[in-house]
Amino acid sequence: MFDQPPLSRKERADNVKKRDYFSKYQGAAKQVLEALLDKYADVGIEEIEKTEVITQAPFSNMGTAVELLTAFGGKANYVKAVKALEDELYMPRKSA
């Protein structure tokens, strides 16, 4: 297991998409998480951990920060969803 090369951010993001992780979310919440995943692939984990990220493009095109947080049922649920996304990104690979 430890002899495998580390996955790139893009590979990690693609793996999350393949696992259909977003099926439990709907509407704006799903859009936000998909965009966070794309942003992670481009710039890394630190940027998606910042709540302010949802005030920037492409999130600002989806709605205001308040509207987007409301889609998750509030900021606490948004933070939980981002943490769950991080857990999915860094889920250990199954050895073949």
C-alpha atoms as a PDB file:
ATOM      1  CA  MET A   1       0.000   0.000   0.000  1.00  0.00           C
ATOM      2  CA  PHE A   2       2.807   2.422   0.819  1.00  0.00           C
ATOM      3  CA  ASP A   3       4.692   1.675  -2.387  1.00  0.00           C
ATOM      4  CA  GLN A   4       2.132   3.571  -4.493  1.00  0.00           C
ATOM      5  CA  PRO A   5       2.916   7.094  -5.668  1.00  0.00           C
ATOM      6  CA  PRO A   6       0.818   9.822  -4.041  1.00  0.00           C
ATOM      7  CA  LEU A   7      -2.276  10.884  -5.916  1.00  0.00           C
ATOM      8  CA  SER A   8      -2.391  14.309  -7.527  1.00  0.00           C
ATOM      9  CA  ARG A   9      -5.115  16.731  -6.434  1.00  0.00           C
ATOM     10  CA  LYS A  10      -6.869  16.158  -9.761  1.00  0.00           C
ATOM     11  CA  GLU A  11      -6.794  12.367  -9.241  1.00  0.00           C
ATOM     12  CA  ARG A  12      -8.183  12.779  -5.726  1.00  0.00           C
ATOM     13  CA  ALA A  13     -10.957  15.063  -7.017  1.00  0.00           C
ATOM     14  CA  ASP A  14     -11.786  12.611  -9.812  1.00  0.00           C
ATOM     15  CA  ASN A  15     -11.994   9.749  -7.295  1.00  0.00           C
ATOM     16  CA  VAL A  16     -14.529  11.689  -5.211  1.00  0.00           C
ATOM     17  CA  LYS A  17     -16.616  12.306  -8.338  1.00  0.00           C
ATOM     18  CA  LYS A  18     -16.463   8.586  -9.244  1.00  0.00           C
ATOM     19  CA  ARG A  19     -17.745   7.615  -5.778  1.00  0.00           C
ATOM     20  CA  ASP A  20     -20.865   9.738  -6.398  1.00  0.00           C
ATOM     21  CA  TYR A  21     -20.266  11.576  -3.134  1.00  0.00           C
ATOM     22  CA  PHE A  22     -22.498  14.497  -4.144  1.00  0.00           C
ATOM     23  CA  SER A  23     -25.676  12.452  -4.505  1.00  0.00           C
ATOM     24  CA  LYS A  24     -26.664  13.262  -0.904  1.00  0.00           C
ATOM     25  CA  TYR A  25     -26.711  16.993  -1.680  1.00  0.00           C
ATOM     26  CA  GLN A  26     -29.115  18.927  -3.888  1.00  0.00           C
ATOM     27  CA  GLY A  27     -29.383  22.281  -5.598  1.00  0.00           C
ATOM     28  CA  ALA A  28     -26.991  25.035  -4.601  1.00  0.00           C
ATOM     29  CA  ALA A  29     -25.285  22.899  -1.939  1.00  0.00           C
ATOM     30  CA  LYS A  30     -24.354  20.317  -4.561  1.00  0.00           C
ATOM     31  CA  GLN A  31     -23.147  23.037  -6.957  1.00  0.00           C
ATOM     32  CA  VAL A  32     -20.999  24.607  -4.236  1.00  0.00           C
ATOM     33  CA  LEU A  33     -19.363  21.300  -3.315  1.00  0.00           C
ATOM     34  CA  GLU A  34     -18.676  20.452  -6.950  1.00  0.00           C
ATOM     35  CA  ALA A  35     -17.085  23.883  -7.445  1.00  0.00           C
ATOM     36  CA  LEU A  36     -15.052  23.434  -4.231  1.00  0.00           C
ATOM     37  CA  LEU A  37     -13.783  20.139  -5.590  1.00  0.00           C
ATOM     38  CA  ASP A  38     -12.697  21.816  -8.833  1.00  0.00           C
ATOM     39  CA  LYS A  39     -11.050  24.630  -6.859  1.00  0.00           C
ATOM     40  CA  TYR A  40      -9.221  22.066  -4.722  1.00  0.00           C
ATOM     41  CA  ALA A  41      -7.870  20.387  -7.873  1.00  0.00           C
ATOM     42  CA  ASP A  42      -6.564  23.786  -9.052  1.00  0.00           C
ATOM     43  CA  VAL A  43      -5.215  25.386  -5.877  1.00  0.00           C
ATOM     44  CA  GLY A  44      -5.227  22.915  -3.000  1.00  0.00           C
ATOM     45  CA  ILE A  45      -6.908  22.255   0.317  1.00  0.00           C
ATOM     46  CA  GLU A  46      -6.055  25.513   2.105  1.00  0.00           C
ATOM     47  CA  GLU A  47      -8.225  27.624  -0.178  1.00  0.00           C
ATOM     48  CA  ILE A  48     -11.357  25.517   0.158  1.00  0.00           C
ATOM     49  CA  GLU A  49     -11.048  25.523   3.956  1.00  0.00           C
ATOM     50  CA  LYS A  50     -11.584  29.293   4.034  1.00  0.00           C
ATOM     51  CA  THR A  51     -15.266  30.183   4.351  1.00  0.00           C
ATOM     52  CA  GLU A  52     -14.572  33.409   2.424  1.00  0.00           C
ATOM     53  CA  VAL A  53     -14.028  31.299  -0.703  1.00  0.00           C
ATOM     54  CA  ILE A  54     -17.790  31.316  -1.306  1.00  0.00           C
ATOM     55  CA  THR A  55     -17.700  35.101  -1.800  1.00  0.00           C
ATOM     56  CA  GLN A  56     -15.452  34.673  -4.857  1.00  0.00           C
ATOM     57  CA  ALA A  57     -16.101  33.414  -8.382  1.00  0.00           C
ATOM     58  CA  PRO A  58     -17.486  30.945  -9.343  1.00  0.00           C
ATOM     59  CA  PHE A  59     -19.450  30.835  -6.085  1.00  0.00           C
ATOM     60  CA  SER A  60     -20.490  34.483  -6.295  1.00  0.00           C
ATOM     61  CA  ASN A  61     -22.277  33.583  -9.553  1.00  0.00           C
ATOM     62  CA  MET A  62     -24.374  30.993  -7.669  1.00  0.00           C
ATOM     63  CA  GLY A  63     -25.700  33.390  -5.035  1.00  0.00           C
ATOM     64  CA  THR A  64     -24.656  35.468  -2.070  1.00  0.00           C
ATOM     65  CA  ALA A  65     -22.620  33.897   0.726  1.00  0.00           C
ATOM     66  CA  VAL A  66     -25.714  33.932   2.940  1.00  0.00           C
ATOM     67  CA  GLU A  67     -27.794  32.179   0.271  1.00  0.00           C
ATOM     68  CA  LEU A  68     -25.113  29.543  -0.239  1.00  0.00           C
ATOM     69  CA  LEU A  69     -24.696  28.903   3.487  1.00  0.00           C
ATOM     70  CA  THR A  70     -28.486  28.671   3.776  1.00  0.00           C
ATOM     71  CA  ALA A  71     -28.456  25.940   1.102  1.00  0.00           C
ATOM     72  CA  PHE A  72     -26.526  23.832   3.615  1.00  0.00           C
ATOM     73  CA  GLY A  73     -28.805  24.772   6.497  1.00  0.00           C
ATOM     74  CA  GLY A  74     -26.356  27.292   7.935  1.00  0.00           C
ATOM     75  CA  LYS A  75     -22.637  27.900   8.351  1.00  0.00           C
ATOM     76  CA  ALA A  76     -22.089  25.007  10.781  1.00  0.00           C
ATOM     77  CA  ASN A  77     -23.509  22.537   8.258  1.00  0.00           C
ATOM     78  CA  TYR A  78     -21.438  24.110   5.474  1.00  0.00           C
ATOM     79  CA  VAL A  79     -18.281  23.649   7.564  1.00  0.00           C
ATOM     80  CA  LYS A  80     -19.272  20.020   8.236  1.00  0.00           C
ATOM     81  CA  ALA A  81     -19.854  19.442   4.517  1.00  0.00           C
ATOM     82  CA  VAL A  82     -16.418  20.868   3.644  1.00  0.00           C
ATOM     83  CA  LYS A  83     -14.806  18.674   6.321  1.00  0.00           C
ATOM     84  CA  ALA A  84     -16.636  15.630   4.929  1.00  0.00           C
ATOM     85  CA  LEU A  85     -15.413  16.567   1.447  1.00  0.00           C
ATOM     86  CA  GLU A  86     -11.840  16.725   2.767  1.00  0.00           C
ATOM     87  CA  ASP A  87     -12.295  13.306   4.361  1.00  0.00           C
ATOM     88  CA  GLU A  88     -13.460  11.962   0.985  1.00  0.00           C
ATOM     89  CA  LEU A  89     -10.475  13.531  -0.774  1.00  0.00           C
ATOM     90  CA  TYR A  90      -7.987  11.920   1.572  1.00  0.00           C
ATOM     91  CA  MET A  91      -9.755   8.589   2.015  1.00  0.00           C
ATOM     92  CA  PRO A  92      -7.143   5.823   1.881  1.00  0.00           C
ATOM     93  CA  ARG A  93      -6.981   3.930  -1.375  1.00  0.00           C
ATOM     94  CA  LYS A  94      -8.002   0.339  -1.389  1.00  0.00           C
ATOM     95  CA  SER A  95      -5.119  -1.892  -2.347  1.00  0.00           C
ATOM     96  CA  ALA A  96      -5.707  -3.999  -5.409  1.00  0.00           C
END
